[in-house]
C-alpha atoms as a PDB file:
ATOM      1  CA  UNK A   1      24.313  20.284  23.156  1.00  0.00           C
ATOM      2  CA  UNK A   2      23.861  19.486  19.107  1.00  0.00           C
ATOM      3  CA  UNK A   3      24.199  15.445  18.388  1.00  0.00           C
ATOM      4  CA  UNK A   4      26.814  16.364  15.717  1.00  0.00           C
ATOM      5  CA  UNK A   5      28.931  18.058  17.995  1.00  0.00           C
ATOM      6  CA  UNK A   6      28.797  15.667  20.887  1.00  0.00           C
ATOM      7  CA  UNK A   7      31.451  13.427  21.267  1.00  0.00           C
ATOM      8  CA  UNK A   8      31.921  10.029  23.059  1.00  0.00           C
ATOM      9  CA  UNK A   9      35.892   8.348  23.656  1.00  0.00           C
ATOM     10  CA  UNK A  10      36.574   5.535  21.726  1.00  0.00           C
ATOM     11  CA  UNK A  11      37.412   3.313  24.367  1.00  0.00           C
ATOM     12  CA  UNK A  12      40.170   1.215  21.897  1.00  0.00           C
ATOM     13  CA  UNK A  13      41.869   3.906  20.314  1.00  0.00           C
ATOM     14  CA  UNK A  14      41.686   6.553  22.896  1.00  0.00           C
ATOM     15  CA  UNK A  15      40.422   9.480  20.183  1.00  0.00           C
ATOM     16  CA  UNK A  16      37.228  11.319  20.064  1.00  0.00           C
ATOM     17  CA  UNK A  17      34.700  10.006  17.392  1.00  0.00           C
ATOM     18  CA  UNK A  18      31.405  11.574  16.715  1.00  0.00           C
ATOM     19  CA  UNK A  19      28.295  10.295  18.905  1.00  0.00           C
ATOM     20  CA  UNK A  20      26.747   7.597  16.826  1.00  0.00           C
ATOM     21  CA  UNK A  21      23.090   8.021  15.783  1.00  0.00           C
ATOM     22  CA  UNK A  22      21.011   5.080  16.816  1.00  0.00           C
ATOM     23  CA  UNK A  23      19.742   4.276  12.883  1.00  0.00           C
ATOM     24  CA  UNK A  24      23.605   4.705  11.625  1.00  0.00           C
ATOM     25  CA  UNK A  25      24.446   2.057  14.637  1.00  0.00           C
ATOM     26  CA  UNK A  26      21.967  -0.381  13.829  1.00  0.00           C
ATOM     27  CA  UNK A  27      22.540  -0.032  10.154  1.00  0.00           C
ATOM     28  CA  UNK A  28      26.631  -0.466  10.504  1.00  0.00           C
ATOM     29  CA  UNK A  29      25.356  -3.872  12.360  1.00  0.00           C
ATOM     30  CA  UNK A  30      23.366  -4.851   9.941  1.00  0.00           C
ATOM     31  CA  UNK A  31      26.188  -4.250   7.333  1.00  0.00           C
ATOM     32  CA  UNK A  32      28.814  -6.205   9.272  1.00  0.00           C
ATOM     33  CA  UNK A  33      26.099  -8.727  10.045  1.00  0.00           C
ATOM     34  CA  UNK A  34      25.710  -9.022   6.038  1.00  0.00           C
ATOM     35  CA  UNK A  35      29.082  -9.201   5.451  1.00  0.00           C
ATOM     36  CA  UNK A  36      29.917 -12.309   7.882  1.00  0.00           C
ATOM     37  CA  UNK A  37      26.640 -13.680   6.608  1.00  0.00           C
ATOM     38  CA  UNK A  38      28.218 -13.681   3.133  1.00  0.00           C
ATOM     39  CA  UNK A  39      31.931 -15.114   4.616  1.00  0.00           C
ATOM     40  CA  UNK A  40      33.068 -11.821   3.278  1.00  0.00           C
ATOM     41  CA  UNK A  41      36.708  -9.934   4.671  1.00  0.00           C
ATOM     42  CA  UNK A  42      35.995  -6.131   4.696  1.00  0.00           C
ATOM     43  CA  UNK A  43      38.752  -5.802   2.183  1.00  0.00           C
ATOM     44  CA  UNK A  44      36.936  -8.526  -0.091  1.00  0.00           C
ATOM     45  CA  UNK A  45      33.674  -6.063   0.127  1.00  0.00           C
ATOM     46  CA  UNK A  46      35.544  -2.996  -0.817  1.00  0.00           C
ATOM     47  CA  UNK A  47      36.851  -4.641  -3.813  1.00  0.00           C
ATOM     48  CA  UNK A  48      33.522  -5.695  -4.545  1.00  0.00           C
ATOM     49  CA  UNK A  49      31.621  -2.628  -4.161  1.00  0.00           C
ATOM     50  CA  UNK A  50      34.214  -0.299  -5.081  1.00  0.00           C
ATOM     51  CA  UNK A  51      34.186   1.434  -1.483  1.00  0.00           C
ATOM     52  CA  UNK A  52      37.268   2.237   0.446  1.00  0.00           C
ATOM     53  CA  UNK A  53      38.047   0.236   3.336  1.00  0.00           C
ATOM     54  CA  UNK A  54      37.743   3.253   5.611  1.00  0.00           C
ATOM     55  CA  UNK A  55      34.745   4.007   4.398  1.00  0.00           C
ATOM     56  CA  UNK A  56      33.067   0.656   5.363  1.00  0.00           C
ATOM     57  CA  UNK A  57      35.070   0.619   8.367  1.00  0.00           C
ATOM     58  CA  UNK A  58      32.919   3.867   9.585  1.00  0.00           C
ATOM     59  CA  UNK A  59      29.968   2.381   8.149  1.00  0.00           C
ATOM     60  CA  UNK A  60      30.093  -0.496  10.400  1.00  0.00           C
ATOM     61  CA  UNK A  61      30.897   1.503  13.300  1.00  0.00           C
ATOM     62  CA  UNK A  62      28.050   3.803  13.152  1.00  0.00           C
ATOM     63  CA  UNK A  63      29.896   6.848  12.175  1.00  0.00           C
ATOM     64  CA  UNK A  64      29.931   6.828   8.652  1.00  0.00           C
ATOM     65  CA  UNK A  65      26.397   9.001   6.866  1.00  0.00           C
ATOM     66  CA  UNK A  66      27.058   7.218   3.577  1.00  0.00           C
ATOM     67  CA  UNK A  67      24.967   7.873   0.481  1.00  0.00           C
ATOM     68  CA  UNK A  68      22.069   6.196  -1.054  1.00  0.00           C
ATOM     69  CA  UNK A  69      24.622   5.846  -4.175  1.00  0.00           C
ATOM     70  CA  UNK A  70      27.243   4.274  -1.667  1.00  0.00           C
ATOM     71  CA  UNK A  71      24.454   1.723  -0.159  1.00  0.00           C
ATOM     72  CA  UNK A  72      23.121   0.294  -3.431  1.00  0.00           C
ATOM     73  CA  UNK A  73      26.856  -0.551  -4.088  1.00  0.00           C
ATOM     74  CA  UNK A  74      27.402  -2.263  -0.666  1.00  0.00           C
ATOM     75  CA  UNK A  75      23.910  -4.107  -0.866  1.00  0.00           C
ATOM     76  CA  UNK A  76      24.678  -5.071  -4.571  1.00  0.00           C
ATOM     77  CA  UNK A  77      28.386  -6.330  -3.506  1.00  0.00           C
ATOM     78  CA  UNK A  78      26.375  -8.265  -0.801  1.00  0.00           C
ATOM     79  CA  UNK A  79      24.056  -9.967  -3.343  1.00  0.00           C
ATOM     80  CA  UNK A  80      21.156  -8.206  -1.132  1.00  0.00           C
ATOM     81  CA  UNK A  81      18.571  -6.063  -1.713  1.00  0.00           C
ATOM     82  CA  UNK A  82      19.142  -2.612   0.086  1.00  0.00           C
ATOM     83  CA  UNK A  83      15.917  -2.505   1.780  1.00  0.00           C
ATOM     84  CA  UNK A  84      17.715  -5.558   3.919  1.00  0.00           C
ATOM     85  CA  UNK A  85      20.848  -3.243   4.423  1.00  0.00           C
ATOM     86  CA  UNK A  86      18.285  -0.342   5.567  1.00  0.00           C
ATOM     87  CA  UNK A  87      16.288  -2.856   7.474  1.00  0.00           C
ATOM     88  CA  UNK A  88      12.535  -3.253   6.807  1.00  0.00           C
ATOM     89  CA  UNK A  89      10.451  -5.821   8.578  1.00  0.00           C
ATOM     90  CA  UNK A  90      10.859  -8.386   5.851  1.00  0.00           C
ATOM     91  CA  UNK A  91      14.590  -8.897   6.670  1.00  0.00           C
ATOM     92  CA  UNK A  92      13.794  -8.995  10.690  1.00  0.00           C
ATOM     93  CA  UNK A  93      14.424 -12.887  10.831  1.00  0.00           C
ATOM     94  CA  UNK A  94      15.249 -16.328   8.698  1.00  0.00           C
ATOM     95  CA  UNK A  95      11.719 -17.091   7.990  1.00  0.00           C
ATOM     96  CA  UNK A  96      11.008 -13.320   6.462  1.00  0.00           C
ATOM     97  CA  UNK A  97      14.064 -13.770   4.456  1.00  0.00           C
ATOM     98  CA  UNK A  98      13.597 -17.156   3.126  1.00  0.00           C
ATOM     99  CA  UNK A  99       9.722 -16.795   2.599  1.00  0.00           C
ATOM    100  CA  UNK A 100      10.670 -13.531   0.999  1.00  0.00           C
ATOM    101  CA  UNK A 101      13.136 -15.644  -1.229  1.00  0.00           C
ATOM    102  CA  UNK A 102      10.642 -18.138  -2.333  1.00  0.00           C
ATOM    103  CA  UNK A 103       8.404 -14.982  -3.804  1.00  0.00           C
ATOM    104  CA  UNK A 104      11.088 -13.490  -5.487  1.00  0.00           C
ATOM    105  CA  UNK A 105      11.036 -13.590  -9.342  1.00  0.00           C
ATOM    106  CA  UNK A 106       7.176 -14.767  -9.176  1.00  0.00           C
ATOM    107  CA  UNK A 107       4.443 -13.872 -11.575  1.00  0.00           C
ATOM    108  CA  UNK A 108       1.182 -12.019  -9.942  1.00  0.00           C
ATOM    109  CA  UNK A 109      -0.539 -14.876 -10.548  1.00  0.00           C
ATOM    110  CA  UNK A 110       2.001 -16.954  -8.170  1.00  0.00           C
ATOM    111  CA  UNK A 111       1.698 -14.001  -5.748  1.00  0.00           C
ATOM    112  CA  UNK A 112      -2.207 -14.023  -5.503  1.00  0.00           C
ATOM    113  CA  UNK A 113      -2.270 -17.663  -4.965  1.00  0.00           C
ATOM    114  CA  UNK A 114       0.374 -16.844  -2.361  1.00  0.00           C
ATOM    115  CA  UNK A 115      -1.508 -14.487  -0.677  1.00  0.00           C
ATOM    116  CA  UNK A 116      -4.899 -16.337  -0.954  1.00  0.00           C
ATOM    117  CA  UNK A 117      -2.686 -19.194   0.877  1.00  0.00           C
ATOM    118  CA  UNK A 118      -1.527 -17.029   3.692  1.00  0.00           C
ATOM    119  CA  UNK A 119      -5.229 -15.266   4.072  1.00  0.00           C
ATOM    120  CA  UNK A 120      -6.404 -18.979   4.834  1.00  0.00           C
ATOM    121  CA  UNK A 121      -3.875 -19.687   6.761  1.00  0.00           C
ATOM    122  CA  UNK A 122      -4.135 -17.077   9.437  1.00  0.00           C
ATOM    123  CA  UNK A 123      -7.727 -17.151   9.606  1.00  0.00           C
ATOM    124  CA  UNK A 124      -8.687 -13.697   7.661  1.00  0.00           C
ATOM    125  CA  UNK A 125     -10.349 -15.240   4.542  1.00  0.00           C
ATOM    126  CA  UNK A 126     -14.335 -14.739   4.562  1.00  0.00           C
ATOM    127  CA  UNK A 127     -16.097 -17.805   3.786  1.00  0.00           C
ATOM    128  CA  UNK A 128     -16.520 -18.122   0.282  1.00  0.00           C
ATOM    129  CA  UNK A 129     -20.373 -17.767  -0.075  1.00  0.00           C
ATOM    130  CA  UNK A 130     -20.507 -14.700   2.439  1.00  0.00           C
ATOM    131  CA  UNK A 131     -17.798 -12.984   0.006  1.00  0.00           C
ATOM    132  CA  UNK A 132     -20.059 -13.236  -3.156  1.00  0.00           C
ATOM    133  CA  UNK A 133     -22.824 -11.528  -0.734  1.00  0.00           C
ATOM    134  CA  UNK A 134     -20.863  -8.490  -0.428  1.00  0.00           C
ATOM    135  CA  UNK A 135     -20.071  -6.227  -3.482  1.00  0.00           C
ATOM    136  CA  UNK A 136     -17.397  -3.861  -2.870  1.00  0.00           C
ATOM    137  CA  UNK A 137     -16.754  -1.033  -5.878  1.00  0.00           C
ATOM    138  CA  UNK A 138     -13.282   0.576  -6.084  1.00  0.00           C
ATOM    139  CA  UNK A 139     -11.632   2.953  -7.765  1.00  0.00           C
ATOM    140  CA  UNK A 140     -10.955   6.603  -8.029  1.00  0.00           C
ATOM    141  CA  UNK A 141     -13.077   9.286  -7.243  1.00  0.00           C
ATOM    142  CA  UNK A 142     -15.708  10.039  -9.891  1.00  0.00           C
ATOM    143  CA  UNK A 143     -15.813   6.676 -11.515  1.00  0.00           C
ATOM    144  CA  UNK A 144     -19.403   6.406 -10.639  1.00  0.00           C
ATOM    145  CA  UNK A 145     -19.195   4.025  -7.667  1.00  0.00           C
ATOM    146  CA  UNK A 146     -21.823   5.433  -5.643  1.00  0.00           C
ATOM    147  CA  UNK A 147     -24.844   5.771  -8.489  1.00  0.00           C
ATOM    148  CA  UNK A 148     -23.873   2.568  -9.890  1.00  0.00           C
ATOM    149  CA  UNK A 149     -23.553   1.105  -6.375  1.00  0.00           C
ATOM    150  CA  UNK A 150     -27.366   2.386  -5.633  1.00  0.00           C
ATOM    151  CA  UNK A 151     -28.607   0.765  -8.781  1.00  0.00           C
ATOM    152  CA  UNK A 152     -26.928  -2.207  -7.938  1.00  0.00           C
ATOM    153  CA  UNK A 153     -28.037  -2.561  -4.013  1.00  0.00           C
ATOM    154  CA  UNK A 154     -31.668  -1.490  -5.596  1.00  0.00           C
ATOM    155  CA  UNK A 155     -31.445  -4.359  -8.303  1.00  0.00           C
ATOM    156  CA  UNK A 156     -30.072  -7.136  -5.550  1.00  0.00           C
ATOM    157  CA  UNK A 157     -32.343  -6.080  -2.802  1.00  0.00           C
ATOM    158  CA  UNK A 158     -29.650  -5.829  -0.477  1.00  0.00           C
ATOM    159  CA  UNK A 159     -28.349  -2.359   1.437  1.00  0.00           C
ATOM    160  CA  UNK A 160     -26.309   0.043  -0.228  1.00  0.00           C
ATOM    161  CA  UNK A 161     -23.188   1.436   2.099  1.00  0.00           C
ATOM    162  CA  UNK A 162     -20.949   4.461   1.033  1.00  0.00           C
ATOM    163  CA  UNK A 163     -17.638   3.835   3.218  1.00  0.00           C
ATOM    164  CA  UNK A 164     -17.100   7.375   3.496  1.00  0.00           C
ATOM    165  CA  UNK A 165     -20.368   7.946   5.664  1.00  0.00           C
ATOM    166  CA  UNK A 166     -19.593   5.043   7.673  1.00  0.00           C
ATOM    167  CA  UNK A 167     -15.745   6.534   8.538  1.00  0.00           C
ATOM    168  CA  UNK A 168     -17.576   9.833   9.589  1.00  0.00           C
ATOM    169  CA  UNK A 169     -19.889   8.145  11.738  1.00  0.00           C
ATOM    170  CA  UNK A 170     -17.081   6.329  13.503  1.00  0.00           C
ATOM    171  CA  UNK A 171     -14.516   9.296  13.623  1.00  0.00           C
ATOM    172  CA  UNK A 172     -17.728  11.947  14.789  1.00  0.00           C
ATOM    173  CA  UNK A 173     -16.614  14.288  12.210  1.00  0.00           C
ATOM    174  CA  UNK A 174     -16.594  14.914   8.479  1.00  0.00           C
ATOM    175  CA  UNK A 175     -13.813  13.393   6.241  1.00  0.00           C
ATOM    176  CA  UNK A 176     -12.054  16.419   5.700  1.00  0.00           C
ATOM    177  CA  UNK A 177     -11.829  17.113   9.374  1.00  0.00           C
ATOM    178  CA  UNK A 178     -10.300  13.727   9.946  1.00  0.00           C
ATOM    179  CA  UNK A 179      -7.699  14.390   7.158  1.00  0.00           C
ATOM    180  CA  UNK A 180      -7.119  18.074   8.009  1.00  0.00           C
ATOM    181  CA  UNK A 181      -7.044  18.139  11.972  1.00  0.00           C
ATOM    182  CA  UNK A 182      -6.209  14.644  12.552  1.00  0.00           C
ATOM    183  CA  UNK A 183      -3.607  13.545   9.693  1.00  0.00           C
ATOM    184  CA  UNK A 184      -3.689  10.722   7.036  1.00  0.00           C
ATOM    185  CA  UNK A 185      -2.794   7.939   9.683  1.00  0.00           C
ATOM    186  CA  UNK A 186      -5.766   8.838  11.630  1.00  0.00           C
ATOM    187  CA  UNK A 187      -8.066   8.506   8.845  1.00  0.00           C
ATOM    188  CA  UNK A 188      -6.802   5.218   7.636  1.00  0.00           C
ATOM    189  CA  UNK A 189      -7.381   3.942  11.218  1.00  0.00           C
ATOM    190  CA  UNK A 190     -11.317   5.048  11.159  1.00  0.00           C
ATOM    191  CA  UNK A 191     -11.215   3.346   7.303  1.00  0.00           C
ATOM    192  CA  UNK A 192     -10.167   0.450   8.565  1.00  0.00           C
ATOM    193  CA  UNK A 193     -12.506   0.188  11.729  1.00  0.00           C
ATOM    194  CA  UNK A 194     -15.029   1.282   9.285  1.00  0.00           C
ATOM    195  CA  UNK A 195     -15.173  -1.504   7.229  1.00  0.00           C
ATOM    196  CA  UNK A 196     -14.319  -4.242   9.804  1.00  0.00           C
ATOM    197  CA  UNK A 197     -17.724  -2.511  11.366  1.00  0.00           C
ATOM    198  CA  UNK A 198     -19.646  -2.777   8.011  1.00  0.00           C
ATOM    199  CA  UNK A 199     -18.359  -6.453   7.041  1.00  0.00           C
ATOM    200  CA  UNK A 200     -19.809  -7.445  10.902  1.00  0.00           C
ATOM    201  CA  UNK A 201     -23.181  -5.709  10.157  1.00  0.00           C
ATOM    202  CA  UNK A 202     -23.795  -6.468   6.688  1.00  0.00           C
ATOM    203  CA  UNK A 203     -23.887  -9.835   5.690  1.00  0.00           C
ATOM    204  CA  UNK A 204     -25.411  -8.707   2.026  1.00  0.00           C
ATOM    205  CA  UNK A 205     -24.292  -5.342   1.004  1.00  0.00           C
ATOM    206  CA  UNK A 206     -23.105  -3.260  -1.990  1.00  0.00           C
ATOM    207  CA  UNK A 207     -20.190  -1.130  -0.589  1.00  0.00           C
ATOM    208  CA  UNK A 208     -18.947   1.842  -2.161  1.00  0.00           C
ATOM    209  CA  UNK A 209     -15.272   2.538  -0.775  1.00  0.00           C
ATOM    210  CA  UNK A 210     -12.717   5.823  -0.813  1.00  0.00           C
ATOM    211  CA  UNK A 211     -10.671   5.689  -4.035  1.00  0.00           C
ATOM    212  CA  UNK A 212      -7.817   5.753  -1.526  1.00  0.00           C
ATOM    213  CA  UNK A 213      -8.631   2.204   0.456  1.00  0.00           C
ATOM    214  CA  UNK A 214      -5.757   0.614  -1.866  1.00  0.00           C
ATOM    215  CA  UNK A 215      -3.090   2.643  -0.089  1.00  0.00           C
ATOM    216  CA  UNK A 216      -3.195   0.605   3.260  1.00  0.00           C
ATOM    217  CA  UNK A 217      -2.569  -2.643   2.641  1.00  0.00           C
ATOM    218  CA  UNK A 218      -4.041  -4.647   5.755  1.00  0.00           C
ATOM    219  CA  UNK A 219      -7.007  -2.429   5.152  1.00  0.00           C
ATOM    220  CA  UNK A 220      -7.147  -3.549   1.302  1.00  0.00           C
ATOM    221  CA  UNK A 221      -6.374  -7.277   2.055  1.00  0.00           C
ATOM    222  CA  UNK A 222      -9.508  -7.247   4.394  1.00  0.00           C
ATOM    223  CA  UNK A 223     -11.452  -6.009   1.458  1.00  0.00           C
ATOM    224  CA  UNK A 224     -10.597  -8.685  -1.012  1.00  0.00           C
ATOM    225  CA  UNK A 225     -10.804 -11.531   1.800  1.00  0.00           C
ATOM    226  CA  UNK A 226     -15.025 -10.530   2.827  1.00  0.00           C
ATOM    227  CA  UNK A 227     -16.104  -8.895  -0.374  1.00  0.00           C
ATOM    228  CA  UNK A 228     -16.742  -9.656  -4.150  1.00  0.00           C
ATOM    229  CA  UNK A 229     -14.626  -6.481  -5.766  1.00  0.00           C
ATOM    230  CA  UNK A 230     -15.488  -4.516  -8.679  1.00  0.00           C
ATOM    231  CA  UNK A 231     -12.951  -1.696 -10.170  1.00  0.00           C
ATOM    232  CA  UNK A 232     -15.236   0.887 -11.848  1.00  0.00           C
ATOM    233  CA  UNK A 233     -12.413   2.589 -14.186  1.00  0.00           C
ATOM    234  CA  UNK A 234     -12.540   5.582 -16.446  1.00  0.00           C
ATOM    235  CA  UNK A 235     -10.036   7.628 -18.070  1.00  0.00           C
ATOM    236  CA  UNK A 236      -8.306  10.534 -15.879  1.00  0.00           C
ATOM    237  CA  UNK A 237     -10.361  13.181 -17.938  1.00  0.00           C
ATOM    238  CA  UNK A 238     -13.636  11.639 -17.089  1.00  0.00           C
ATOM    239  CA  UNK A 239     -12.556  11.391 -13.521  1.00  0.00           C
ATOM    240  CA  UNK A 240     -11.935  15.186 -13.113  1.00  0.00           C
ATOM    241  CA  UNK A 241     -15.135  16.351 -15.388  1.00  0.00           C
ATOM    242  CA  UNK A 242     -17.116  13.977 -13.212  1.00  0.00           C
ATOM    243  CA  UNK A 243     -16.244  15.505  -9.906  1.00  0.00           C
ATOM    244  CA  UNK A 244     -16.495  18.867 -11.178  1.00  0.00           C
ATOM    245  CA  UNK A 245     -20.318  18.226 -12.281  1.00  0.00           C
ATOM    246  CA  UNK A 246     -20.873  17.007  -8.765  1.00  0.00           C
ATOM    247  CA  UNK A 247     -19.956  20.571  -7.582  1.00  0.00           C
ATOM    248  CA  UNK A 248     -16.270  19.980  -6.531  1.00  0.00           C
ATOM    249  CA  UNK A 249     -14.448  22.975  -8.059  1.00  0.00           C
ATOM    250  CA  UNK A 250     -11.390  22.221  -6.275  1.00  0.00           C
ATOM    251  CA  UNK A 251      -9.782  20.258  -8.433  1.00  0.00           C
ATOM    252  CA  UNK A 252      -9.773  22.905 -11.263  1.00  0.00           C
ATOM    253  CA  UNK A 253     -10.043  20.721 -14.283  1.00  0.00           C
ATOM    254  CA  UNK A 254      -8.401  23.801 -16.378  1.00  0.00           C
ATOM    255  CA  UNK A 255      -5.506  22.902 -14.508  1.00  0.00           C
ATOM    256  CA  UNK A 256      -2.502  21.311 -15.926  1.00  0.00           C
ATOM    257  CA  UNK A 257      -0.725  20.248 -13.086  1.00  0.00           C
ATOM    258  CA  UNK A 258      -4.050  19.060 -11.542  1.00  0.00           C
ATOM    259  CA  UNK A 259      -4.399  16.054 -14.355  1.00  0.00           C
ATOM    260  CA  UNK A 260      -0.890  15.550 -13.892  1.00  0.00           C
ATOM    261  CA  UNK A 261      -1.309  14.787 -10.555  1.00  0.00           C
ATOM    262  CA  UNK A 262      -4.602  12.560 -11.419  1.00  0.00           C
ATOM    263  CA  UNK A 263      -2.734  10.908 -13.313  1.00  0.00           C
ATOM    264  CA  UNK A 264       0.146   9.775 -11.235  1.00  0.00           C
ATOM    265  CA  UNK A 265      -2.164   8.875  -8.490  1.00  0.00           C
ATOM    266  CA  UNK A 266      -4.271   6.355 -11.063  1.00  0.00           C
ATOM    267  CA  UNK A 267      -1.049   4.964 -12.338  1.00  0.00           C
ATOM    268  CA  UNK A 268       0.509   4.513  -8.886  1.00  0.00           C
ATOM    269  CA  UNK A 269      -3.304   2.948  -7.914  1.00  0.00           C
ATOM    270  CA  UNK A 270      -3.741   0.682 -10.957  1.00  0.00           C
ATOM    271  CA  UNK A 271      -2.036  -2.583  -9.890  1.00  0.00           C
ATOM    272  CA  UNK A 272      -3.963  -2.356  -6.990  1.00  0.00           C
ATOM    273  CA  UNK A 273      -7.099  -2.144  -8.279  1.00  0.00           C
ATOM    274  CA  UNK A 274      -6.430  -4.454 -10.844  1.00  0.00           C
ATOM    275  CA  UNK A 275      -7.255  -6.888  -8.056  1.00  0.00           C
ATOM    276  CA  UNK A 276     -10.406  -6.485  -8.279  1.00  0.00           C
ATOM    277  CA  UNK A 277     -12.520  -9.793  -9.314  1.00  0.00           C
ATOM    278  CA  UNK A 278     -14.006  -7.592 -11.845  1.00  0.00           C
ATOM    279  CA  UNK A 279     -13.553  -4.552 -14.038  1.00  0.00           C
ATOM    280  CA  UNK A 280     -15.584  -2.718 -15.352  1.00  0.00           C
ATOM    281  CA  UNK A 281     -14.826   0.586 -17.601  1.00  0.00           C
ATOM    282  CA  UNK A 282     -17.180   3.376 -17.683  1.00  0.00           C
ATOM    283  CA  UNK A 283     -15.179   5.400 -20.182  1.00  0.00           C
ATOM    284  CA  UNK A 284     -17.309   7.088 -22.354  1.00  0.00           C
ATOM    285  CA  UNK A 285     -20.420   5.289 -21.734  1.00  0.00           C
ATOM    286  CA  UNK A 286     -23.967   5.974 -20.399  1.00  0.00           C
ATOM    287  CA  UNK A 287     -24.902   5.018 -16.609  1.00  0.00           C
ATOM    288  CA  UNK A 288     -27.321   2.577 -18.088  1.00  0.00           C
ATOM    289  CA  UNK A 289     -25.260   0.779 -20.445  1.00  0.00           C
ATOM    290  CA  UNK A 290     -22.630   0.868 -17.535  1.00  0.00           C
ATOM    291  CA  UNK A 291     -25.182  -0.472 -15.122  1.00  0.00           C
ATOM    292  CA  UNK A 292     -26.044  -3.246 -17.385  1.00  0.00           C
ATOM    293  CA  UNK A 293     -22.629  -4.568 -17.740  1.00  0.00           C
ATOM    294  CA  UNK A 294     -22.160  -4.576 -13.770  1.00  0.00           C
ATOM    295  CA  UNK A 295     -25.219  -5.688 -13.325  1.00  0.00           C
ATOM    296  CA  UNK A 296     -24.820  -8.857 -15.870  1.00  0.00           C
ATOM    297  CA  UNK A 297     -21.193  -9.426 -14.557  1.00  0.00           C
ATOM    298  CA  UNK A 298     -21.954  -9.641 -10.779  1.00  0.00           C
ATOM    299  CA  UNK A 299     -25.033 -11.779 -11.412  1.00  0.00           C
ATOM    300  CA  UNK A 300     -22.561 -14.401 -13.431  1.00  0.00           C
ATOM    301  CA  UNK A 301     -19.702 -13.878 -11.240  1.00  0.00           C
ATOM    302  CA  UNK A 302     -21.406 -14.574  -8.260  1.00  0.00           C
ATOM    303  CA  UNK A 303     -24.457 -16.687  -9.307  1.00  0.00           C
ATOM    304  CA  UNK A 304     -27.142 -14.178  -7.680  1.00  0.00           C
END
């Protein structure tokens, strides 16, 4: 029987109502709980949100499949983030809500100090001296992480670790096989495990990381906590040209759509890459010039 065709008896009214979807039931409970916490009657909420009382009643009963626009109106009338109505982890308890309110409206510098304090508090921070002995290069594919990473490792006299190769070792198959056969979730698990093992195995190293390592907050936080990070930066056009020059024709540098996708990816990740300790822009520069900058800045920042 189709879920939407199923019926259950409303014991209070004796009328048949559609069987309630668990997500809509939970959504309704959150809406009712938020309204109660704000001390608002359903009529007051209806007036404040410009949503009918009947619609709100269906929403709270878990039988109203409200549009996202209606939910946004309700959330605004309750002076609550839409996420709190929909239900994410940061709305799961009063402590979460109070922590979130403390952070709301803070600038990046304040948020960074908060993240570092929490990392220290919960034991995920590496020793400051040890962190400076591991240099991790982050950035989009084609930035020059592998080339510059090998040169920097030779200069410092430490091992060079290509994290992609470590992921393949942990998984027992190639990167493309992991992604095509097992999916992104499995790839992220192997990526996290490979990074954890690299941190345990190498007290000193230069690590070239995959471009998407910033996509998983937990893995990226682990990297920031245990490694001195350098964003190796370039323009989208240079990223594309370098990947094609390496013999990978899949991106198709002449494909406008591919370039647009690349710009979107870089734009979406730039704020995370920007959390690095250093930024080295390789755009329009030779390998020698880029290496000289990264070498000098890493030596100055880490005292090596």
